[in-house]
Amino acid sequence: MKPTTISLLQKYKRESKRFATLTAYDYSFAKLFADEGIKVMLVGDSLGMTVQGHDSTLPVTVDDIAYHTRAVRSGAPHALLLADLPFMACATPEQAFENAAVVMRAGANMVKIEGGGWLTQTVKMLTDRAVPVCGHLGLTPQSVNIFGGYKVQGRGDAGQGLLDDALALEAAGAQLLVLECVPVALAKQVTDALSIPVIGIGAGNVTDGQILVMHDAFGITGGHTPSFSKNFLSQAGDMRAAVRQYIADVESGVWPDDEHSFH
């Protein structure tokens, strides 16, 4: 099996071929996902809530991300593996260099960082030093205390600022962008404006790819499930079948549907 690369995702974008991704945190689920056709995985700082039981992502450390990255890499050796740089891990470019090196050595192919235009210097300096970067705009969970909760972003006049941030990140060298909890119209505008692939979560079916937190996708979240998510396991009845259904629904464009999108 050939490793999945950013070049393949860029090819998918040019061909308007949608792709499905999931978060993963351990060897067993990573292997199952890879076996059923998930080519891109994210070791997200969402593990703070789904694995560690915190009420936010803020307590997650770089060492936590590295630990789970090693486990996921063992289970999915050919996946394109993204790893979050957690809260305050890239407050300065120097911190970003050191922390990116930790998770890349653990097996990540790319780091994901939350934030807009203020990160452009960091993105450029990371990519200049052979660290691929995935940006993350919209609802950025590390900013929950600024937002005052987990709320839809980019409505009204704020949409232009988000688009400007997306273009700035791409110009700085970002090769992927995650777009979370934004209106469908804005998600389409951003996806069309960028030459890099855009992965949506709560952004409608207009982005190049989709991602879900695995616990949400299979109905095993302990507590509130986001309104944009769907329990694929309840329909499929089997974890492997649920992963295949998720991939099929994303690739065909039938999911996310209107019920699981924001306007």
C-alpha atoms as a PDB file:
ATOM      1  CA  MET A   1       0.000   0.000   0.000  1.00  0.00           C
ATOM      2  CA  LYS A   2       1.319   3.429  -0.965  1.00  0.00           C
ATOM      3  CA  PRO A   3       1.492   6.161   1.692  1.00  0.00           C
ATOM      4  CA  THR A   4      -1.134   8.880   1.376  1.00  0.00           C
ATOM      5  CA  THR A   5       0.469  12.236   0.612  1.00  0.00           C
ATOM      6  CA  ILE A   6      -0.609  15.851   0.382  1.00  0.00           C
ATOM      7  CA  SER A   7      -0.080  15.549  -3.371  1.00  0.00           C
ATOM      8  CA  LEU A   8      -2.882  12.987  -3.509  1.00  0.00           C
ATOM      9  CA  LEU A   9      -5.262  15.311  -1.662  1.00  0.00           C
ATOM     10  CA  GLN A  10      -4.351  18.138  -4.024  1.00  0.00           C
ATOM     11  CA  LYS A  11      -5.170  15.811  -6.918  1.00  0.00           C
ATOM     12  CA  TYR A  12      -8.524  15.018  -5.306  1.00  0.00           C
ATOM     13  CA  LYS A  13      -9.289  18.738  -5.092  1.00  0.00           C
ATOM     14  CA  ARG A  14      -8.454  19.316  -8.751  1.00  0.00           C
ATOM     15  CA  GLU A  15     -10.716  16.394  -9.680  1.00  0.00           C
ATOM     16  CA  SER A  16     -13.508  17.484  -7.277  1.00  0.00           C
ATOM     17  CA  LYS A  17     -13.227  14.138  -5.496  1.00  0.00           C
ATOM     18  CA  ARG A  18     -14.338  14.351  -1.869  1.00  0.00           C
ATOM     19  CA  PHE A  19     -12.426  12.479   0.837  1.00  0.00           C
ATOM     20  CA  ALA A  20     -13.257  11.366   4.380  1.00  0.00           C
ATOM     21  CA  THR A  21     -11.058  11.702   7.442  1.00  0.00           C
ATOM     22  CA  LEU A  22     -11.427  10.860  11.142  1.00  0.00           C
ATOM     23  CA  THR A  23      -9.684  11.578  14.402  1.00  0.00           C
ATOM     24  CA  ALA A  24      -7.823   8.648  15.919  1.00  0.00           C
ATOM     25  CA  TYR A  25      -6.064   8.250  19.232  1.00  0.00           C
ATOM     26  CA  ASP A  26      -4.844   4.658  19.516  1.00  0.00           C
ATOM     27  CA  TYR A  27      -3.444   1.681  17.614  1.00  0.00           C
ATOM     28  CA  SER A  28      -6.622  -0.417  17.405  1.00  0.00           C
ATOM     29  CA  PHE A  29      -8.978   2.197  15.989  1.00  0.00           C
ATOM     30  CA  ALA A  30      -6.281   3.576  13.683  1.00  0.00           C
ATOM     31  CA  LYS A  31      -5.750   0.116  12.224  1.00  0.00           C
ATOM     32  CA  LEU A  32      -9.497  -0.452  11.820  1.00  0.00           C
ATOM     33  CA  PHE A  33      -9.935   2.910  10.099  1.00  0.00           C
ATOM     34  CA  ALA A  34      -7.000   2.269   7.778  1.00  0.00           C
ATOM     35  CA  ASP A  35      -8.242  -1.223   6.932  1.00  0.00           C
ATOM     36  CA  GLU A  36     -11.636   0.192   5.925  1.00  0.00           C
ATOM     37  CA  GLY A  37     -10.246   2.966   3.749  1.00  0.00           C
ATOM     38  CA  ILE A  38      -9.595   6.084   5.850  1.00  0.00           C
ATOM     39  CA  LYS A  39      -6.468   7.579   4.311  1.00  0.00           C
ATOM     40  CA  VAL A  40      -6.153  10.717   6.452  1.00  0.00           C
ATOM     41  CA  MET A  41      -6.292  10.811  10.269  1.00  0.00           C
ATOM     42  CA  LEU A  42      -5.885  13.483  12.901  1.00  0.00           C
ATOM     43  CA  VAL A  43      -4.521  13.075  16.394  1.00  0.00           C
ATOM     44  CA  GLY A  44      -6.596  15.934  17.720  1.00  0.00           C
ATOM     45  CA  ASP A  45      -6.377  17.759  21.001  1.00  0.00           C
ATOM     46  CA  SER A  46     -10.015  16.706  21.206  1.00  0.00           C
ATOM     47  CA  LEU A  47      -8.483  13.780  23.106  1.00  0.00           C
ATOM     48  CA  GLY A  48      -8.616  16.075  26.119  1.00  0.00           C
ATOM     49  CA  MET A  49     -12.382  15.673  26.142  1.00  0.00           C
ATOM     50  CA  THR A  50     -12.911  12.264  24.524  1.00  0.00           C
ATOM     51  CA  VAL A  51     -10.035  10.338  26.128  1.00  0.00           C
ATOM     52  CA  GLN A  52      -8.969  12.282  29.205  1.00  0.00           C
ATOM     53  CA  GLY A  53     -12.409  13.483  30.315  1.00  0.00           C
ATOM     54  CA  HIS A  54     -11.725  17.222  30.536  1.00  0.00           C
ATOM     55  CA  ASP A  55     -14.354  19.837  29.675  1.00  0.00           C
ATOM     56  CA  SER A  56     -12.150  21.452  27.018  1.00  0.00           C
ATOM     57  CA  THR A  57      -9.030  20.821  24.949  1.00  0.00           C
ATOM     58  CA  LEU A  58      -6.905  23.245  26.969  1.00  0.00           C
ATOM     59  CA  PRO A  59      -5.252  20.776  29.390  1.00  0.00           C
ATOM     60  CA  VAL A  60      -3.737  18.708  26.557  1.00  0.00           C
ATOM     61  CA  THR A  61       0.053  18.837  26.321  1.00  0.00           C
ATOM     62  CA  VAL A  62       2.499  18.290  23.485  1.00  0.00           C
ATOM     63  CA  ASP A  63       3.642  15.094  25.201  1.00  0.00           C
ATOM     64  CA  ASP A  64       0.030  13.853  25.177  1.00  0.00           C
ATOM     65  CA  ILE A  65      -0.198  14.469  21.431  1.00  0.00           C
ATOM     66  CA  ALA A  66       3.138  12.755  20.813  1.00  0.00           C
ATOM     67  CA  TYR A  67       2.104   9.689  22.833  1.00  0.00           C
ATOM     68  CA  HIS A  68      -1.110   9.216  20.857  1.00  0.00           C
ATOM     69  CA  THR A  69       0.630  10.022  17.570  1.00  0.00           C
ATOM     70  CA  ARG A  70       3.046   7.139  18.089  1.00  0.00           C
ATOM     71  CA  ALA A  71       0.133   4.784  18.778  1.00  0.00           C
ATOM     72  CA  VAL A  72      -1.869   5.883  15.734  1.00  0.00           C
ATOM     73  CA  ARG A  73       1.172   5.704  13.475  1.00  0.00           C
ATOM     74  CA  SER A  74       1.699   2.095  14.528  1.00  0.00           C
ATOM     75  CA  GLY A  75      -1.864   1.224  13.537  1.00  0.00           C
ATOM     76  CA  ALA A  76      -1.938   3.236  10.307  1.00  0.00           C
ATOM     77  CA  PRO A  77       1.578   3.303   8.843  1.00  0.00           C
ATOM     78  CA  HIS A  78       0.425   4.511   5.410  1.00  0.00           C
ATOM     79  CA  ALA A  79      -2.066   7.192   6.459  1.00  0.00           C
ATOM     80  CA  LEU A  80      -1.433  10.904   6.091  1.00  0.00           C
ATOM     81  CA  LEU A  81      -1.259  11.675   9.800  1.00  0.00           C
ATOM     82  CA  LEU A  82      -1.962  15.143  11.161  1.00  0.00           C
ATOM     83  CA  ALA A  83      -1.211  16.073  14.775  1.00  0.00           C
ATOM     84  CA  ASP A  84      -2.509  19.064  16.690  1.00  0.00           C
ATOM     85  CA  LEU A  85      -0.207  21.542  18.327  1.00  0.00           C
ATOM     86  CA  PRO A  86      -2.252  22.082  21.501  1.00  0.00           C
ATOM     87  CA  PHE A  87      -3.006  25.186  23.546  1.00  0.00           C
ATOM     88  CA  MET A  88      -0.033  27.598  23.731  1.00  0.00           C
ATOM     89  CA  ALA A  89       2.228  25.201  21.818  1.00  0.00           C
ATOM     90  CA  CYS A  90       2.824  27.770  19.084  1.00  0.00           C
ATOM     91  CA  ALA A  91       2.467  31.033  20.983  1.00  0.00           C
ATOM     92  CA  THR A  92       5.809  32.034  19.452  1.00  0.00           C
ATOM     93  CA  PRO A  93       7.589  30.722  16.365  1.00  0.00           C
ATOM     94  CA  GLU A  94      10.351  29.302  18.551  1.00  0.00           C
ATOM     95  CA  GLN A  95       7.864  27.307  20.622  1.00  0.00           C
ATOM     96  CA  ALA A  96       6.205  26.094  17.442  1.00  0.00           C
ATOM     97  CA  PHE A  97       9.553  24.820  16.069  1.00  0.00           C
ATOM     98  CA  GLU A  98      10.353  22.853  19.205  1.00  0.00           C
ATOM     99  CA  ASN A  99       6.877  21.396  19.628  1.00  0.00           C
ATOM    100  CA  ALA A 100       6.441  20.574  15.949  1.00  0.00           C
ATOM    101  CA  ALA A 101       9.699  18.632  16.074  1.00  0.00           C
ATOM    102  CA  VAL A 102       8.354  16.532  18.964  1.00  0.00           C
ATOM    103  CA  VAL A 103       5.172  15.451  17.189  1.00  0.00           C
ATOM    104  CA  MET A 104       6.876  14.988  13.815  1.00  0.00           C
ATOM    105  CA  ARG A 105       9.439  12.688  15.425  1.00  0.00           C
ATOM    106  CA  ALA A 106       6.522  10.776  16.961  1.00  0.00           C
ATOM    107  CA  GLY A 107       5.225   9.987  13.473  1.00  0.00           C
ATOM    108  CA  ALA A 108       3.113  12.903  12.261  1.00  0.00           C
ATOM    109  CA  ASN A 109       3.296  13.995   8.633  1.00  0.00           C
ATOM    110  CA  MET A 110       1.864  17.439   9.313  1.00  0.00           C
ATOM    111  CA  VAL A 111       1.000  19.689  12.249  1.00  0.00           C
ATOM    112  CA  LYS A 112      -2.352  21.425  12.664  1.00  0.00           C
ATOM    113  CA  ILE A 113      -2.469  24.842  14.288  1.00  0.00           C
ATOM    114  CA  GLU A 114      -5.438  26.978  15.285  1.00  0.00           C
ATOM    115  CA  GLY A 115      -5.542  30.662  14.408  1.00  0.00           C
ATOM    116  CA  GLY A 116      -5.647  33.209  11.618  1.00  0.00           C
ATOM    117  CA  GLY A 117      -3.437  35.880  10.158  1.00  0.00           C
ATOM    118  CA  TRP A 118      -1.319  36.289  13.276  1.00  0.00           C
ATOM    119  CA  LEU A 119       0.159  32.839  12.559  1.00  0.00           C
ATOM    120  CA  THR A 120       1.432  33.564   9.058  1.00  0.00           C
ATOM    121  CA  GLN A 121       5.036  34.126  10.126  1.00  0.00           C
ATOM    122  CA  THR A 122       4.995  30.886  12.109  1.00  0.00           C
ATOM    123  CA  VAL A 123       3.483  28.971   9.174  1.00  0.00           C
ATOM    124  CA  LYS A 124       6.116  30.283   6.777  1.00  0.00           C
ATOM    125  CA  MET A 125       8.969  29.530   9.146  1.00  0.00           C
ATOM    126  CA  LEU A 126       7.684  26.010   9.835  1.00  0.00           C
ATOM    127  CA  THR A 127       7.260  25.152   6.166  1.00  0.00           C
ATOM    128  CA  ASP A 128      10.681  26.624   5.392  1.00  0.00           C
ATOM    129  CA  ARG A 129      12.011  24.118   7.926  1.00  0.00           C
ATOM    130  CA  ALA A 130      10.286  21.108   6.339  1.00  0.00           C
ATOM    131  CA  VAL A 131       7.256  21.000   8.666  1.00  0.00           C
ATOM    132  CA  PRO A 132       3.996  20.843   6.657  1.00  0.00           C
ATOM    133  CA  VAL A 133       1.161  22.852   8.203  1.00  0.00           C
ATOM    134  CA  CYS A 134      -2.612  22.467   8.290  1.00  0.00           C
ATOM    135  CA  GLY A 135      -4.446  25.614   9.369  1.00  0.00           C
ATOM    136  CA  HIS A 136      -7.653  25.614  11.407  1.00  0.00           C
ATOM    137  CA  LEU A 137     -10.226  28.416  11.192  1.00  0.00           C
ATOM    138  CA  GLY A 138     -13.797  29.022  12.289  1.00  0.00           C
ATOM    139  CA  LEU A 139     -14.625  27.514  15.651  1.00  0.00           C
ATOM    140  CA  THR A 140     -11.161  26.937  17.083  1.00  0.00           C
ATOM    141  CA  PRO A 141     -11.698  25.056  20.379  1.00  0.00           C
ATOM    142  CA  GLN A 142      -8.528  26.414  21.975  1.00  0.00           C
ATOM    143  CA  SER A 143     -10.214  29.852  21.862  1.00  0.00           C
ATOM    144  CA  VAL A 144     -13.355  28.707  23.681  1.00  0.00           C
ATOM    145  CA  ASN A 145     -12.855  31.251  26.464  1.00  0.00           C
ATOM    146  CA  ILE A 146     -12.598  34.075  23.924  1.00  0.00           C
ATOM    147  CA  PHE A 147     -15.677  32.913  22.017  1.00  0.00           C
ATOM    148  CA  GLY A 148     -17.680  32.383  25.193  1.00  0.00           C
ATOM    149  CA  GLY A 149     -18.592  28.833  24.201  1.00  0.00           C
ATOM    150  CA  TYR A 150     -18.702  26.558  21.187  1.00  0.00           C
ATOM    151  CA  LYS A 151     -20.533  28.767  18.680  1.00  0.00           C
ATOM    152  CA  VAL A 152     -20.866  29.051  14.918  1.00  0.00           C
ATOM    153  CA  GLN A 153     -18.277  31.457  13.502  1.00  0.00           C
ATOM    154  CA  GLY A 154     -18.062  33.622  10.394  1.00  0.00           C
ATOM    155  CA  ARG A 155     -21.606  34.923  10.187  1.00  0.00           C
ATOM    156  CA  GLY A 156     -22.220  38.394   8.805  1.00  0.00           C
ATOM    157  CA  ASP A 157     -19.254  40.727   8.480  1.00  0.00           C
ATOM    158  CA  ALA A 158     -16.980  38.227  10.237  1.00  0.00           C
ATOM    159  CA  GLY A 159     -17.037  36.072   7.117  1.00  0.00           C
ATOM    160  CA  GLN A 160     -14.723  38.393   5.191  1.00  0.00           C
ATOM    161  CA  GLY A 161     -12.177  38.312   7.988  1.00  0.00           C
ATOM    162  CA  LEU A 162     -12.214  34.519   8.006  1.00  0.00           C
ATOM    163  CA  LEU A 163     -11.727  34.412   4.233  1.00  0.00           C
ATOM    164  CA  ASP A 164      -8.835  36.868   4.529  1.00  0.00           C
ATOM    165  CA  ASP A 165      -7.240  34.669   7.197  1.00  0.00           C
ATOM    166  CA  ALA A 166      -7.611  31.587   4.986  1.00  0.00           C
ATOM    167  CA  LEU A 167      -5.919  33.296   2.055  1.00  0.00           C
ATOM    168  CA  ALA A 168      -3.136  34.566   4.312  1.00  0.00           C
ATOM    169  CA  LEU A 169      -2.442  31.095   5.711  1.00  0.00           C
ATOM    170  CA  GLU A 170      -2.295  29.621   2.221  1.00  0.00           C
ATOM    171  CA  ALA A 171       0.055  32.377   1.053  1.00  0.00           C
ATOM    172  CA  ALA A 172       2.298  31.656   4.048  1.00  0.00           C
ATOM    173  CA  GLY A 173       2.623  28.016   3.017  1.00  0.00           C
ATOM    174  CA  ALA A 174      -0.199  26.081   4.688  1.00  0.00           C
ATOM    175  CA  GLN A 175      -1.036  22.986   2.627  1.00  0.00           C
ATOM    176  CA  LEU A 176      -4.376  22.074   4.231  1.00  0.00           C
ATOM    177  CA  LEU A 177      -7.117  23.938   6.058  1.00  0.00           C
ATOM    178  CA  VAL A 178      -9.693  22.680   8.548  1.00  0.00           C
ATOM    179  CA  LEU A 179     -12.838  24.808   8.606  1.00  0.00           C
ATOM    180  CA  GLU A 180     -15.066  24.240  11.635  1.00  0.00           C
ATOM    181  CA  CYS A 181     -18.628  25.360  12.370  1.00  0.00           C
ATOM    182  CA  VAL A 182     -19.183  28.007   9.703  1.00  0.00           C
ATOM    183  CA  PRO A 183     -22.161  28.705   7.417  1.00  0.00           C
ATOM    184  CA  VAL A 184     -22.286  26.665   4.221  1.00  0.00           C
ATOM    185  CA  ALA A 185     -22.097  29.743   1.975  1.00  0.00           C
ATOM    186  CA  LEU A 186     -18.888  30.902   3.630  1.00  0.00           C
ATOM    187  CA  ALA A 187     -17.407  27.396   3.520  1.00  0.00           C
ATOM    188  CA  LYS A 188     -18.013  27.293  -0.228  1.00  0.00           C
ATOM    189  CA  GLN A 189     -16.482  30.731  -0.688  1.00  0.00           C
ATOM    190  CA  VAL A 190     -13.340  29.704   1.193  1.00  0.00           C
ATOM    191  CA  THR A 191     -13.071  26.318  -0.548  1.00  0.00           C
ATOM    192  CA  ASP A 192     -13.399  27.909  -3.991  1.00  0.00           C
ATOM    193  CA  ALA A 193     -10.914  30.675  -3.184  1.00  0.00           C
ATOM    194  CA  LEU A 194      -8.122  28.371  -2.007  1.00  0.00           C
ATOM    195  CA  SER A 195      -5.983  26.087  -4.127  1.00  0.00           C
ATOM    196  CA  ILE A 196      -5.212  23.910  -1.086  1.00  0.00           C
ATOM    197  CA  PRO A 197      -7.703  21.247   0.102  1.00  0.00           C
ATOM    198  CA  VAL A 198     -10.247  22.366   2.707  1.00  0.00           C
ATOM    199  CA  ILE A 199     -11.553  19.848   5.253  1.00  0.00           C
ATOM    200  CA  GLY A 200     -14.877  20.722   6.822  1.00  0.00           C
ATOM    201  CA  ILE A 201     -16.436  19.870  10.166  1.00  0.00           C
ATOM    202  CA  GLY A 202     -19.809  21.476  10.620  1.00  0.00           C
ATOM    203  CA  ALA A 203     -19.233  23.367   7.356  1.00  0.00           C
ATOM    204  CA  GLY A 204     -21.677  21.614   5.011  1.00  0.00           C
ATOM    205  CA  ASN A 205     -20.886  19.325   2.101  1.00  0.00           C
ATOM    206  CA  VAL A 206     -19.175  21.983  -0.021  1.00  0.00           C
ATOM    207  CA  THR A 207     -15.627  21.459   1.243  1.00  0.00           C
ATOM    208  CA  ASP A 208     -13.069  19.128  -0.341  1.00  0.00           C
ATOM    209  CA  GLY A 209     -13.038  16.728   2.601  1.00  0.00           C
ATOM    210  CA  GLN A 210     -14.841  16.003   5.843  1.00  0.00           C
ATOM    211  CA  ILE A 211     -13.629  15.150   9.327  1.00  0.00           C
ATOM    212  CA  LEU A 212     -15.432  14.068  12.476  1.00  0.00           C
ATOM    213  CA  VAL A 213     -14.271  13.270  15.968  1.00  0.00           C
ATOM    214  CA  MET A 214     -14.504   9.474  15.951  1.00  0.00           C
ATOM    215  CA  HIS A 215     -16.504   9.377  19.194  1.00  0.00           C
ATOM    216  CA  ASP A 216     -19.165  11.620  17.635  1.00  0.00           C
ATOM    217  CA  ALA A 217     -19.250   9.644  14.387  1.00  0.00           C
ATOM    218  CA  PHE A 218     -20.000   6.407  16.225  1.00  0.00           C
ATOM    219  CA  GLY A 219     -22.215   7.663  19.033  1.00  0.00           C
ATOM    220  CA  ILE A 220     -19.813   6.944  21.873  1.00  0.00           C
ATOM    221  CA  THR A 221     -19.419  10.516  23.068  1.00  0.00           C
ATOM    222  CA  GLY A 222     -19.929  10.803  26.802  1.00  0.00           C
ATOM    223  CA  GLY A 223     -22.195  13.834  26.912  1.00  0.00           C
ATOM    224  CA  HIS A 224     -23.298  16.439  24.370  1.00  0.00           C
ATOM    225  CA  THR A 225     -23.026  15.459  20.709  1.00  0.00           C
ATOM    226  CA  PRO A 226     -22.507  18.357  18.266  1.00  0.00           C
ATOM    227  CA  SER A 227     -25.543  19.153  16.130  1.00  0.00           C
ATOM    228  CA  PHE A 228     -23.460  18.834  12.950  1.00  0.00           C
ATOM    229  CA  SER A 229     -22.457  15.250  13.738  1.00  0.00           C
ATOM    230  CA  LYS A 230     -24.173  11.971  12.921  1.00  0.00           C
ATOM    231  CA  ASN A 231     -24.096   8.532  14.510  1.00  0.00           C
ATOM    232  CA  PHE A 232     -23.102   6.231  11.652  1.00  0.00           C
ATOM    233  CA  LEU A 233     -22.803   3.230  13.946  1.00  0.00           C
ATOM    234  CA  SER A 234     -26.486   3.272  14.911  1.00  0.00           C
ATOM    235  CA  GLN A 235     -27.450   2.778  11.272  1.00  0.00           C
ATOM    236  CA  ALA A 236     -24.722   0.354  10.257  1.00  0.00           C
ATOM    237  CA  GLY A 237     -24.775  -1.765  13.421  1.00  0.00           C
ATOM    238  CA  ASP A 238     -21.094  -2.658  13.042  1.00  0.00           C
ATOM    239  CA  MET A 239     -18.037  -0.450  13.449  1.00  0.00           C
ATOM    240  CA  ARG A 240     -16.381  -1.479  10.204  1.00  0.00           C
ATOM    241  CA  ALA A 241     -19.598  -1.069   8.257  1.00  0.00           C
ATOM    242  CA  ALA A 242     -20.099   2.335   9.888  1.00  0.00           C
ATOM    243  CA  VAL A 243     -16.669   3.520   8.703  1.00  0.00           C
ATOM    244  CA  ARG A 244     -17.429   2.334   5.179  1.00  0.00           C
ATOM    245  CA  GLN A 245     -20.816   4.094   5.267  1.00  0.00           C
ATOM    246  CA  TYR A 246     -19.219   7.309   6.468  1.00  0.00           C
ATOM    247  CA  ILE A 247     -16.700   7.203   3.619  1.00  0.00           C
ATOM    248  CA  ALA A 248     -19.397   6.453   1.034  1.00  0.00           C
ATOM    249  CA  ASP A 249     -21.685   9.243   2.258  1.00  0.00           C
ATOM    250  CA  VAL A 250     -18.859  11.794   2.239  1.00  0.00           C
ATOM    251  CA  GLU A 251     -17.569  10.796  -1.186  1.00  0.00           C
ATOM    252  CA  SER A 252     -21.046  10.902  -2.716  1.00  0.00           C
ATOM    253  CA  GLY A 253     -21.854  14.244  -1.103  1.00  0.00           C
ATOM    254  CA  VAL A 254     -25.035  13.060   0.612  1.00  0.00           C
ATOM    255  CA  TRP A 255     -23.479  13.923   3.972  1.00  0.00           C
ATOM    256  CA  PRO A 256     -23.343  16.374   5.603  1.00  0.00           C
ATOM    257  CA  ASP A 257     -26.958  17.056   4.645  1.00  0.00           C
ATOM    258  CA  ASP A 258     -28.904  20.222   5.338  1.00  0.00           C
ATOM    259  CA  GLU A 259     -29.909  19.003   8.795  1.00  0.00           C
ATOM    260  CA  HIS A 260     -26.258  18.803   9.827  1.00  0.00           C
ATOM    261  CA  SER A 261     -25.178  22.162   8.368  1.00  0.00           C
ATOM    262  CA  PHE A 262     -25.329  25.826   9.373  1.00  0.00           C
ATOM    263  CA  HIS A 263     -26.791  28.693   7.350  1.00  0.00           C
END
